[in-house]
Amino acid sequence: LAFLDIERHGRKSSVSHCSFNYNYNTAIGTFNSEEVVLENNVIYRVLGKGVEDQGISNKWHYNLVSYVLYEGIHLDQPLNFEFHSCFQMELSHMAEMIGNVAAGCERGGFDTEGEPCDTTGEWANKTAAWEGNEVHGAMHGVRGVIKSSHKSGSGCLAYRNFLIWNAYDDGFYLQAA
C-alpha cells in the first residue's frame, strides 16, 4: 500500500487495524505525503523494508512489523550490501513514533535520524515525543546513517524511549557519512 503525494487539505488519510502478510515489497509506504495516520497494523513476512516513510508529520502508532527478510540472502545476491529495516524512516520529516514494535528483522529495527534535541516550534506543534518503541531480534536495533544536520535544522539529534533487546550486533548503530 503506497501513499503518493497525499496532502492533508482538511481530510484525514489513515490505515488502521489492517494486516499485511507475505509481501515481496514494502507493506506500507508514504512518499511525499503529509499527516497520514498509520495505527494498530500488523505486518508479517516482508522482503526488504517493512514500512517506509518519506513524508512529513506522518503518525505511526502501535504497529507491529515482524519477520522482515534481507533480500541479499533470500534472492541469492552475494553482492547486495543494502541495509533495510522493519521501520525505514530515515527520509521522513517530523514523523511521530509511538508504541511500535520491530520483531525479527534480519537487518535493522528502526532506520531513522531520530528526533531533534530541541523539540520546540513546528516539530512540537505537529508531533508528540517518541515513546514506547521496541526492537528485538535484529542485527541493529536503531540505525542512523547521518549525511547532514537534522532535517529540523538542529545540529543535534536524539534517540529516546526505545526498548532494545536481543540485538545481535548493535543496540544503536550511528554513523556520520
Protein backbone atom coordinates (compact mmCIF):
# COMPACT_ATOMS: atom_id res chain seq x y z
CA LEU A 1 0.00 0.00 0.00
CA ALA A 2 1.55 3.32 -1.03
CA PHE A 3 0.53 6.89 -0.29
CA LEU A 4 1.94 9.13 -3.02
CA ASP A 5 1.71 12.94 -2.84
CA ILE A 6 -1.17 12.95 -0.35
CA GLU A 7 -1.62 16.36 1.28
CA ARG A 8 -3.92 16.98 4.20
CA HIS A 9 -6.36 19.62 2.76
CA GLY A 10 -8.69 19.22 5.75
CA ARG A 11 -9.10 15.46 5.29
CA LYS A 12 -7.50 12.62 7.19
CA SER A 13 -5.89 9.66 5.42
CA SER A 14 -5.25 6.58 7.53
CA VAL A 15 -4.55 2.87 7.66
CA SER A 16 -5.87 1.33 10.83
CA HIS A 17 -6.30 -2.23 12.14
CA CYS A 18 -5.03 -3.89 8.94
CA SER A 19 -2.75 -6.85 8.40
CA PHE A 20 -0.25 -7.39 5.62
CA ASN A 21 1.07 -10.90 5.17
CA TYR A 22 3.73 -12.31 2.82
CA ASN A 23 4.79 -9.18 0.95
CA TYR A 24 7.53 -9.09 -1.65
CA ASN A 25 7.91 -5.35 -1.26
CA THR A 26 7.33 -2.70 1.41
CA ALA A 27 3.96 -3.32 3.09
CA ILE A 28 3.09 0.36 3.73
CA GLY A 29 4.88 3.37 2.26
CA THR A 30 4.28 7.11 2.50
CA PHE A 31 6.03 9.19 -0.15
CA ASN A 32 5.74 12.98 -0.21
CA SER A 33 2.58 12.57 1.89
CA GLU A 34 1.55 14.59 4.91
CA GLU A 35 -0.11 13.68 8.22
CA VAL A 36 -1.14 10.15 7.28
CA VAL A 37 -2.16 8.18 10.39
CA LEU A 38 -0.95 4.56 10.50
CA GLU A 39 -2.03 2.75 13.63
CA ASN A 40 -2.61 -0.71 15.04
CA ASN A 41 -1.42 -2.54 11.93
CA VAL A 42 0.40 -5.88 11.73
CA ILE A 43 2.95 -6.55 9.00
CA TYR A 44 4.35 -10.08 8.75
CA ARG A 45 6.99 -11.52 6.42
CA VAL A 46 8.24 -8.81 4.12
CA LEU A 47 11.22 -8.86 1.77
CA GLY A 48 13.39 -5.73 2.27
CA LYS A 49 11.62 -2.94 4.19
CA GLY A 50 8.62 -3.50 6.43
CA VAL A 51 7.26 0.06 6.26
CA GLU A 52 8.82 3.15 4.71
CA ASP A 53 8.18 6.83 5.40
CA GLN A 54 9.41 9.60 3.12
CA GLY A 55 6.67 12.03 4.12
CA ILE A 56 6.01 14.85 6.57
CA SER A 57 4.34 14.59 10.00
CA ASN A 58 3.03 11.07 9.50
CA LYS A 59 1.80 9.32 12.66
CA TRP A 60 2.98 5.75 13.33
CA HIS A 61 1.16 4.38 16.40
CA TYR A 62 1.17 0.84 17.81
CA ASN A 63 2.22 -1.04 14.67
CA LEU A 64 3.92 -4.44 14.72
CA VAL A 65 6.37 -5.30 11.95
CA SER A 66 7.70 -8.83 12.20
CA TYR A 67 9.86 -11.18 10.16
CA VAL A 68 11.48 -8.87 7.62
CA LEU A 69 13.90 -10.74 5.37
CA TYR A 70 17.14 -9.46 3.88
CA GLU A 71 16.79 -9.79 0.13
CA GLY A 72 20.51 -10.35 -0.44
CA ILE A 73 20.32 -13.76 1.20
CA HIS A 74 16.88 -14.85 0.08
CA LEU A 75 17.33 -13.77 -3.54
CA ASP A 76 20.86 -15.22 -3.74
CA GLN A 77 22.54 -11.82 -4.27
CA PRO A 78 26.02 -12.12 -2.73
CA LEU A 79 26.97 -8.56 -3.81
CA ASN A 80 23.87 -6.91 -2.34
CA PHE A 81 25.04 -4.67 0.51
CA GLU A 82 21.80 -2.72 1.02
CA PHE A 83 20.69 -2.33 4.61
CA HIS A 84 16.96 -2.05 5.20
CA SER A 85 14.89 -2.08 8.38
CA CYS A 86 11.47 -3.03 9.67
CA PHE A 87 10.75 0.71 10.03
CA GLN A 88 12.61 2.58 7.25
CA MET A 89 12.19 6.17 8.44
CA GLU A 90 15.48 7.93 7.59
CA LEU A 91 13.89 10.12 4.87
CA SER A 92 10.83 11.12 6.90
CA HIS A 93 10.41 14.55 8.48
CA MET A 94 8.63 15.11 11.80
CA ALA A 95 7.37 11.53 11.99
CA GLU A 96 5.57 10.60 15.19
CA MET A 97 6.60 7.17 16.51
CA ILE A 98 4.63 5.81 19.47
CA GLY A 99 4.38 2.21 20.68
CA ASN A 100 5.71 0.49 17.56
CA VAL A 101 7.40 -2.92 17.67
CA ALA A 102 10.01 -4.31 15.27
CA ALA A 103 10.49 -8.03 15.85
CA GLY A 104 12.59 -10.45 13.86
CA CYS A 105 14.23 -8.09 11.39
CA GLU A 106 17.22 -9.64 9.64
CA ARG A 107 18.90 -6.21 9.33
CA GLY A 108 17.62 -3.21 11.32
CA GLY A 109 14.67 -2.49 13.57
CA PHE A 110 14.34 1.28 13.01
CA ASP A 111 16.36 3.27 10.48
CA THR A 112 15.92 6.93 11.40
CA GLU A 113 17.73 10.18 12.01
CA GLY A 114 15.85 10.42 15.33
CA GLU A 115 14.23 13.46 16.85
CA PRO A 116 15.90 16.85 17.19
CA CYS A 117 17.29 17.51 20.67
CA ASP A 118 15.20 20.67 20.90
CA THR A 119 11.61 19.71 20.11
CA THR A 120 10.07 23.16 20.00
CA GLY A 121 8.49 25.19 17.24
CA GLU A 122 6.95 23.38 14.29
CA TRP A 123 8.21 19.97 15.48
CA ALA A 124 6.46 20.33 18.86
CA ASN A 125 3.27 21.69 17.30
CA LYS A 126 2.85 18.81 14.83
CA THR A 127 4.23 15.74 16.63
CA ALA A 128 4.26 14.10 20.04
CA ALA A 129 7.53 12.92 21.58
CA TRP A 130 8.59 9.41 20.63
CA GLU A 131 7.89 6.79 23.26
CA GLY A 132 7.33 3.10 23.79
CA ASN A 133 9.05 1.81 20.65
CA GLU A 134 10.65 -1.63 20.88
CA VAL A 135 13.09 -3.72 18.86
CA HIS A 136 14.09 -7.32 19.36
CA GLY A 137 15.64 -9.97 17.14
CA ALA A 138 17.52 -7.62 14.80
CA MET A 139 21.13 -7.05 13.74
CA HIS A 140 20.89 -3.33 14.63
CA GLY A 141 18.16 -2.13 16.96
CA VAL A 142 18.12 1.52 15.88
CA ARG A 143 20.27 2.62 12.99
CA GLY A 144 21.16 6.12 11.84
CA VAL A 145 23.46 6.96 8.94
CA ILE A 146 23.60 10.73 9.17
CA LYS A 147 24.63 12.54 6.00
CA SER A 148 23.88 16.12 7.10
CA SER A 149 22.43 18.00 10.04
CA HIS A 150 18.97 17.03 11.28
CA LYS A 151 16.11 17.96 8.92
CA SER A 152 14.71 20.21 11.66
CA GLY A 153 17.76 22.45 11.29
CA SER A 154 19.03 21.34 14.69
CA GLY A 155 22.69 20.42 14.87
CA CYS A 156 21.78 17.76 17.43
CA LEU A 157 19.68 14.62 17.25
CA ALA A 158 18.24 12.39 19.95
CA TYR A 159 17.11 8.79 20.28
CA ARG A 160 14.78 8.43 23.28
CA ASN A 161 12.44 5.89 24.79
CA PHE A 162 13.43 2.76 22.87
CA LEU A 163 13.44 -0.72 24.40
CA ILE A 164 16.03 -2.81 22.55
CA TRP A 165 16.82 -6.40 23.38
CA ASN A 166 18.27 -9.37 21.54
CA ALA A 167 20.06 -7.13 19.02
CA TYR A 168 22.79 -9.44 17.83
CA ASP A 169 25.18 -6.73 16.58
CA ASP A 170 24.39 -3.25 17.97
CA GLY A 171 21.56 -1.77 20.02
CA PHE A 172 22.24 1.62 18.42
CA TYR A 173 24.33 1.95 15.28
CA LEU A 174 25.11 5.56 14.37
CA GLN A 175 27.40 6.58 11.53
CA ALA A 176 28.29 10.04 10.26
CA ALA A 177 28.64 9.81 6.49
